[in-house]
Amino acid sequence: MTKPFAPRRHLPTSPFKAAADPLVKHFALGDRVSHDQYGLGRIVGVEDGIAMLVDFGSEKARIVSPYTGMEKL
């Protein structure tokens, strides 16, 4: 099994712009969300800036920051 490539670091002398950091989305306790893999759910737990515990009905999942695939409804 092969490992995915590590992101390249930006050199200060490079003529190209550095890659932008992914935007961190902000969610609050009780927000309704949609996730690409799990579907519709509600946030039931918050770990400040680290992760969200989301109840998707059939299961609970811990979604870590930057919360890719999750959108607020």
PDB file of N, CA and C in Angstrom:
ATOM      1  N   MET A   1       0.849  -1.175   0.000  1.00  0.00           N
ATOM      2  CA  MET A   1       0.000   0.000   0.000  1.00  0.00           C
ATOM      3  C   MET A   1       0.889   1.230   0.000  1.00  0.00           C
ATOM      4  N   THR A   2       0.556   2.196  -0.797  1.00  0.00           N
ATOM      5  CA  THR A   2       1.374   3.405  -0.880  1.00  0.00           C
ATOM      6  C   THR A   2       0.765   4.507  -0.027  1.00  0.00           C
ATOM      7  N   LYS A   3       1.625   5.365   0.481  1.00  0.00           N
ATOM      8  CA  LYS A   3       1.183   6.502   1.286  1.00  0.00           C
ATOM      9  C   LYS A   3       0.907   7.682   0.360  1.00  0.00           C
ATOM     10  N   PRO A   4      -0.065   8.525   0.716  1.00  0.00           N
ATOM     11  CA  PRO A   4      -0.280   9.732  -0.094  1.00  0.00           C
ATOM     12  C   PRO A   4       0.888  10.698   0.101  1.00  0.00           C
ATOM     13  N   PHE A   5       1.112  11.503  -0.907  1.00  0.00           N
ATOM     14  CA  PHE A   5       2.213  12.450  -0.851  1.00  0.00           C
ATOM     15  C   PHE A   5       1.955  13.511   0.213  1.00  0.00           C
ATOM     16  N   ALA A   6       3.002  13.905   0.901  1.00  0.00           N
ATOM     17  CA  ALA A   6       2.907  14.986   1.876  1.00  0.00           C
ATOM     18  C   ALA A   6       2.810  16.307   1.122  1.00  0.00           C
ATOM     19  N   PRO A   7       2.078  17.277   1.661  1.00  0.00           N
ATOM     20  CA  PRO A   7       1.998  18.567   0.970  1.00  0.00           C
ATOM     21  C   PRO A   7       3.368  19.230   0.907  1.00  0.00           C
ATOM     22  N   ARG A   8       3.622  19.876  -0.196  1.00  0.00           N
ATOM     23  CA  ARG A   8       4.907  20.539  -0.354  1.00  0.00           C
ATOM     24  C   ARG A   8       4.948  21.818   0.468  1.00  0.00           C
ATOM     25  N   ARG A   9       6.092  22.077   1.047  1.00  0.00           N
ATOM     26  CA  ARG A   9       6.227  23.296   1.832  1.00  0.00           C
ATOM     27  C   ARG A   9       6.570  24.451   0.901  1.00  0.00           C
ATOM     28  N   HIS A  10       6.194  25.622   1.302  1.00  0.00           N
ATOM     29  CA  HIS A  10       6.422  26.813   0.496  1.00  0.00           C
ATOM     30  C   HIS A  10       7.760  27.429   0.880  1.00  0.00           C
ATOM     31  N   LEU A  11       8.603  27.663  -0.108  1.00  0.00           N
ATOM     32  CA  LEU A  11       9.895  28.299   0.146  1.00  0.00           C
ATOM     33  C   LEU A  11       9.741  29.817   0.088  1.00  0.00           C
ATOM     34  N   PRO A  12      10.364  30.540   0.994  1.00  0.00           N
ATOM     35  CA  PRO A  12      10.224  32.000   1.009  1.00  0.00           C
ATOM     36  C   PRO A  12      10.735  32.662  -0.267  1.00  0.00           C
ATOM     37  N   THR A  13      11.657  32.029  -0.965  1.00  0.00           N
ATOM     38  CA  THR A  13      12.216  32.618  -2.188  1.00  0.00           C
ATOM     39  C   THR A  13      11.434  32.240  -3.438  1.00  0.00           C
ATOM     40  N   SER A  14      10.346  31.485  -3.281  1.00  0.00           N
ATOM     41  CA  SER A  14       9.564  31.034  -4.425  1.00  0.00           C
ATOM     42  C   SER A  14       8.803  32.203  -5.049  1.00  0.00           C
ATOM     43  N   PRO A  15       8.726  32.251  -6.390  1.00  0.00           N
ATOM     44  CA  PRO A  15       7.949  33.309  -7.042  1.00  0.00           C
ATOM     45  C   PRO A  15       6.451  33.026  -7.023  1.00  0.00           C
ATOM     46  N   PHE A  16       6.056  31.846  -6.583  1.00  0.00           N
ATOM     47  CA  PHE A  16       4.644  31.469  -6.564  1.00  0.00           C
ATOM     48  C   PHE A  16       4.039  31.734  -5.190  1.00  0.00           C
ATOM     49  N   LYS A  17       2.735  31.966  -5.173  1.00  0.00           N
ATOM     50  CA  LYS A  17       2.033  32.212  -3.913  1.00  0.00           C
ATOM     51  C   LYS A  17       1.924  30.921  -3.115  1.00  0.00           C
ATOM     52  N   ALA A  18       1.931  31.059  -1.812  1.00  0.00           N
ATOM     53  CA  ALA A  18       1.764  29.908  -0.932  1.00  0.00           C
ATOM     54  C   ALA A  18       0.319  29.430  -1.006  1.00  0.00           C
ATOM     55  N   ALA A  19       0.111  28.142  -0.840  1.00  0.00           N
ATOM     56  CA  ALA A  19      -1.243  27.598  -0.847  1.00  0.00           C
ATOM     57  C   ALA A  19      -2.018  28.143   0.349  1.00  0.00           C
ATOM     58  N   ALA A  20      -3.260  28.465   0.114  1.00  0.00           N
ATOM     59  CA  ALA A  20      -4.100  29.014   1.184  1.00  0.00           C
ATOM     60  C   ALA A  20      -4.500  27.904   2.143  1.00  0.00           C
ATOM     61  N   ASP A  21      -4.524  28.213   3.442  1.00  0.00           N
ATOM     62  CA  ASP A  21      -4.978  27.254   4.437  1.00  0.00           C
ATOM     63  C   ASP A  21      -6.470  27.050   4.249  1.00  0.00           C
ATOM     64  N   PRO A  22      -6.973  25.828   4.470  1.00  0.00           N
ATOM     65  CA  PRO A  22      -8.413  25.613   4.331  1.00  0.00           C
ATOM     66  C   PRO A  22      -9.176  26.437   5.361  1.00  0.00           C
ATOM     67  N   LEU A  23     -10.308  26.976   4.938  1.00  0.00           N
ATOM     68  CA  LEU A  23     -11.131  27.770   5.840  1.00  0.00           C
ATOM     69  C   LEU A  23     -11.777  26.850   6.872  1.00  0.00           C
ATOM     70  N   VAL A  24     -11.681  27.247   8.127  1.00  0.00           N
ATOM     71  CA  VAL A  24     -12.294  26.471   9.200  1.00  0.00           C
ATOM     72  C   VAL A  24     -13.720  26.947   9.356  1.00  0.00           C
ATOM     73  N   LYS A  25     -14.652  26.021   9.250  1.00  0.00           N
ATOM     74  CA  LYS A  25     -16.062  26.354   9.378  1.00  0.00           C
ATOM     75  C   LYS A  25     -16.433  26.407  10.858  1.00  0.00           C
ATOM     76  N   HIS A  26     -17.406  27.237  11.196  1.00  0.00           N
ATOM     77  CA  HIS A  26     -17.824  27.396  12.589  1.00  0.00           C
ATOM     78  C   HIS A  26     -19.214  26.798  12.768  1.00  0.00           C
ATOM     79  N   PHE A  27     -19.308  25.905  13.725  1.00  0.00           N
ATOM     80  CA  PHE A  27     -20.570  25.263  14.059  1.00  0.00           C
ATOM     81  C   PHE A  27     -20.829  25.449  15.546  1.00  0.00           C
ATOM     82  N   ALA A  28     -22.098  25.376  15.926  1.00  0.00           N
ATOM     83  CA  ALA A  28     -22.478  25.518  17.338  1.00  0.00           C
ATOM     84  C   ALA A  28     -23.307  24.306  17.761  1.00  0.00           C
ATOM     85  N   LEU A  29     -23.417  24.125  19.045  1.00  0.00           N
ATOM     86  CA  LEU A  29     -24.193  23.042  19.616  1.00  0.00           C
ATOM     87  C   LEU A  29     -25.640  23.155  19.152  1.00  0.00           C
ATOM     88  N   GLY A  30     -26.191  22.080  18.636  1.00  0.00           N
ATOM     89  CA  GLY A  30     -27.577  22.067  18.185  1.00  0.00           C
ATOM     90  C   GLY A  30     -27.766  22.376  16.714  1.00  0.00           C
ATOM     91  N   ASP A  31     -26.722  22.777  16.004  1.00  0.00           N
ATOM     92  CA  ASP A  31     -26.840  23.074  14.573  1.00  0.00           C
ATOM     93  C   ASP A  31     -27.177  21.817  13.784  1.00  0.00           C
ATOM     94  N   ARG A  32     -28.036  21.967  12.788  1.00  0.00           N
ATOM     95  CA  ARG A  32     -28.337  20.875  11.864  1.00  0.00           C
ATOM     96  C   ARG A  32     -27.286  20.922  10.764  1.00  0.00           C
ATOM     97  N   VAL A  33     -26.741  19.768  10.403  1.00  0.00           N
ATOM     98  CA  VAL A  33     -25.677  19.698   9.414  1.00  0.00           C
ATOM     99  C   VAL A  33     -25.946  18.581   8.412  1.00  0.00           C
ATOM    100  N   SER A  34     -25.265  18.681   7.287  1.00  0.00           N
ATOM    101  CA  SER A  34     -25.279  17.639   6.275  1.00  0.00           C
ATOM    102  C   SER A  34     -23.836  17.227   6.029  1.00  0.00           C
ATOM    103  N   HIS A  35     -23.574  15.911   6.014  1.00  0.00           N
ATOM    104  CA  HIS A  35     -22.227  15.405   5.790  1.00  0.00           C
ATOM    105  C   HIS A  35     -22.242  14.521   4.544  1.00  0.00           C
ATOM    106  N   ASP A  36     -21.172  14.596   3.747  1.00  0.00           N
ATOM    107  CA  ASP A  36     -21.091  13.839   2.500  1.00  0.00           C
ATOM    108  C   ASP A  36     -21.188  12.335   2.730  1.00  0.00           C
ATOM    109  N   GLN A  37     -20.612  11.838   3.800  1.00  0.00           N
ATOM    110  CA  GLN A  37     -20.567  10.397   4.043  1.00  0.00           C
ATOM    111  C   GLN A  37     -21.722   9.915   4.919  1.00  0.00           C
ATOM    112  N   TYR A  38     -22.071  10.679   5.973  1.00  0.00           N
ATOM    113  CA  TYR A  38     -23.039  10.219   6.962  1.00  0.00           C
ATOM    114  C   TYR A  38     -24.465  10.700   6.710  1.00  0.00           C
ATOM    115  N   GLY A  39     -24.646  11.804   6.009  1.00  0.00           N
ATOM    116  CA  GLY A  39     -25.982  12.327   5.744  1.00  0.00           C
ATOM    117  C   GLY A  39     -26.351  13.460   6.688  1.00  0.00           C
ATOM    118  N   LEU A  40     -27.643  13.530   7.055  1.00  0.00           N
ATOM    119  CA  LEU A  40     -28.152  14.605   7.904  1.00  0.00           C
ATOM    120  C   LEU A  40     -27.930  14.281   9.374  1.00  0.00           C
ATOM    121  N   GLY A  41     -27.610  15.326  10.149  1.00  0.00           N
ATOM    122  CA  GLY A  41     -27.378  15.119  11.569  1.00  0.00           C
ATOM    123  C   GLY A  41     -27.492  16.399  12.362  1.00  0.00           C
ATOM    124  N   ARG A  42     -27.286  16.280  13.684  1.00  0.00           N
ATOM    125  CA  ARG A  42     -27.338  17.427  14.598  1.00  0.00           C
ATOM    126  C   ARG A  42     -26.120  17.362  15.504  1.00  0.00           C
ATOM    127  N   ILE A  43     -25.483  18.527  15.718  1.00  0.00           N
ATOM    128  CA  ILE A  43     -24.298  18.595  16.571  1.00  0.00           C
ATOM    129  C   ILE A  43     -24.723  18.459  18.026  1.00  0.00           C
ATOM    130  N   VAL A  44     -24.127  17.458  18.712  1.00  0.00           N
ATOM    131  CA  VAL A  44     -24.480  17.195  20.104  1.00  0.00           C
ATOM    132  C   VAL A  44     -23.305  17.419  21.052  1.00  0.00           C
ATOM    133  N   GLY A  45     -22.115  17.642  20.509  1.00  0.00           N
ATOM    134  CA  GLY A  45     -20.948  17.882  21.345  1.00  0.00           C
ATOM    135  C   GLY A  45     -19.930  18.727  20.606  1.00  0.00           C
ATOM    136  N   VAL A  46     -19.231  19.584  21.359  1.00  0.00           N
ATOM    137  CA  VAL A  46     -18.257  20.490  20.759  1.00  0.00           C
ATOM    138  C   VAL A  46     -16.940  20.395  21.513  1.00  0.00           C
ATOM    139  N   GLU A  47     -15.853  20.181  20.784  1.00  0.00           N
ATOM    140  CA  GLU A  47     -14.503  20.284  21.328  1.00  0.00           C
ATOM    141  C   GLU A  47     -13.892  21.506  20.643  1.00  0.00           C
ATOM    142  N   ASP A  48     -13.674  22.572  21.388  1.00  0.00           N
ATOM    143  CA  ASP A  48     -13.279  23.865  20.831  1.00  0.00           C
ATOM    144  C   ASP A  48     -12.164  23.774  19.803  1.00  0.00           C
ATOM    145  N   GLY A  49     -12.523  24.036  18.531  1.00  0.00           N
ATOM    146  CA  GLY A  49     -11.554  24.089  17.445  1.00  0.00           C
ATOM    147  C   GLY A  49     -10.918  22.766  17.069  1.00  0.00           C
ATOM    148  N   ILE A  50     -11.347  21.673  17.716  1.00  0.00           N
ATOM    149  CA  ILE A  50     -10.722  20.372  17.449  1.00  0.00           C
ATOM    150  C   ILE A  50     -11.669  19.450  16.700  1.00  0.00           C
ATOM    151  N   ALA A  51     -12.870  19.263  17.228  1.00  0.00           N
ATOM    152  CA  ALA A  51     -13.796  18.311  16.631  1.00  0.00           C
ATOM    153  C   ALA A  51     -15.225  18.603  17.059  1.00  0.00           C
ATOM    154  N   MET A  52     -16.163  17.986  16.343  1.00  0.00           N
ATOM    155  CA  MET A  52     -17.586  18.062  16.656  1.00  0.00           C
ATOM    156  C   MET A  52     -18.125  16.644  16.766  1.00  0.00           C
ATOM    157  N   LEU A  53     -18.972  16.403  17.757  1.00  0.00           N
ATOM    158  CA  LEU A  53     -19.657  15.127  17.874  1.00  0.00           C
ATOM    159  C   LEU A  53     -21.039  15.323  17.263  1.00  0.00           C
ATOM    160  N   VAL A  54     -21.331  14.538  16.224  1.00  0.00           N
ATOM    161  CA  VAL A  54     -22.565  14.721  15.472  1.00  0.00           C
ATOM    162  C   VAL A  54     -23.401  13.448  15.555  1.00  0.00           C
ATOM    163  N   ASP A  55     -24.700  13.623  15.866  1.00  0.00           N
ATOM    164  CA  ASP A  55     -25.644  12.508  15.915  1.00  0.00           C
ATOM    165  C   ASP A  55     -26.331  12.421  14.563  1.00  0.00           C
ATOM    166  N   PHE A  56     -26.101  11.306  13.856  1.00  0.00           N
ATOM    167  CA  PHE A  56     -26.695  11.104  12.543  1.00  0.00           C
ATOM    168  C   PHE A  56     -27.879  10.146  12.594  1.00  0.00           C
ATOM    169  N   GLY A  57     -28.434   9.937  13.771  1.00  0.00           N
ATOM    170  CA  GLY A  57     -29.590   9.053  13.927  1.00  0.00           C
ATOM    171  C   GLY A  57     -29.153   7.632  14.215  1.00  0.00           C
ATOM    172  N   SER A  58     -28.603   6.954  13.241  1.00  0.00           N
ATOM    173  CA  SER A  58     -28.198   5.566  13.426  1.00  0.00           C
ATOM    174  C   SER A  58     -26.840   5.445  14.103  1.00  0.00           C
ATOM    175  N   GLU A  59     -26.058   6.509  14.073  1.00  0.00           N
ATOM    176  CA  GLU A  59     -24.736   6.486  14.697  1.00  0.00           C
ATOM    177  C   GLU A  59     -24.290   7.899  15.062  1.00  0.00           C
ATOM    178  N   LYS A  60     -23.312   7.968  15.964  1.00  0.00           N
ATOM    179  CA  LYS A  60     -22.689   9.242  16.306  1.00  0.00           C
ATOM    180  C   LYS A  60     -21.275   9.211  15.763  1.00  0.00           C
ATOM    181  N   ALA A  61     -20.833  10.337  15.194  1.00  0.00           N
ATOM    182  CA  ALA A  61     -19.497  10.394  14.611  1.00  0.00           C
ATOM    183  C   ALA A  61     -18.777  11.638  15.117  1.00  0.00           C
ATOM    184  N   ARG A  62     -17.464  11.507  15.295  1.00  0.00           N
ATOM    185  CA  ARG A  62     -16.612  12.629  15.697  1.00  0.00           C
ATOM    186  C   ARG A  62     -15.957  13.147  14.425  1.00  0.00           C
ATOM    187  N   ILE A  63     -16.328  14.358  14.020  1.00  0.00           N
ATOM    188  CA  ILE A  63     -15.808  14.982  12.806  1.00  0.00           C
ATOM    189  C   ILE A  63     -14.754  15.991  13.237  1.00  0.00           C
ATOM    190  N   VAL A  64     -13.519  15.833  12.739  1.00  0.00           N
ATOM    191  CA  VAL A  64     -12.419  16.705  13.147  1.00  0.00           C
ATOM    192  C   VAL A  64     -12.293  17.911  12.222  1.00  0.00           C
ATOM    193  N   SER A  65     -11.666  18.956  12.749  1.00  0.00           N
ATOM    194  CA  SER A  65     -11.438  20.191  12.008  1.00  0.00           C
ATOM    195  C   SER A  65     -10.517  19.901  10.836  1.00  0.00           C
ATOM    196  N   PRO A  66     -10.675  20.449   9.686  1.00  0.00           N
ATOM    197  CA  PRO A  66     -11.489  21.572   9.222  1.00  0.00           C
ATOM    198  C   PRO A  66     -12.877  21.190   8.744  1.00  0.00           C
ATOM    199  N   TYR A  67     -13.429  20.072   9.192  1.00  0.00           N
ATOM    200  CA  TYR A  67     -14.800  19.652   8.931  1.00  0.00           C
ATOM    201  C   TYR A  67     -15.107  19.521   7.442  1.00  0.00           C
ATOM    202  N   THR A  68     -14.202  18.900   6.704  1.00  0.00           N
ATOM    203  CA  THR A  68     -14.414  18.714   5.266  1.00  0.00           C
ATOM    204  C   THR A  68     -15.619  17.801   5.044  1.00  0.00           C
ATOM    205  N   GLY A  69     -16.430  18.166   4.080  1.00  0.00           N
ATOM    206  CA  GLY A  69     -17.604  17.379   3.750  1.00  0.00           C
ATOM    207  C   GLY A  69     -18.818  17.692   4.596  1.00  0.00           C
ATOM    208  N   MET A  70     -18.721  18.623   5.533  1.00  0.00           N
ATOM    209  CA  MET A  70     -19.837  18.945   6.408  1.00  0.00           C
ATOM    210  C   MET A  70     -20.264  20.383   6.174  1.00  0.00           C
ATOM    211  N   GLU A  71     -21.568  20.571   5.986  1.00  0.00           N
ATOM    212  CA  GLU A  71     -22.140  21.897   5.741  1.00  0.00           C
ATOM    213  C   GLU A  71     -23.268  22.161   6.717  1.00  0.00           C
ATOM    214  N   LYS A  72     -23.410  23.405   7.142  1.00  0.00           N
ATOM    215  CA  LYS A  72     -24.498  23.811   8.026  1.00  0.00           C
ATOM    216  C   LYS A  72     -25.760  23.986   7.194  1.00  0.00           C
ATOM    217  N   LEU A  73     -26.884  23.516   7.728  1.00  0.00           N
ATOM    218  CA  LEU A  73     -28.176  23.673   7.030  1.00  0.00           C
ATOM    219  C   LEU A  73     -28.901  24.897   7.512  1.00  0.00           C
TER     220      LEU A  73
END
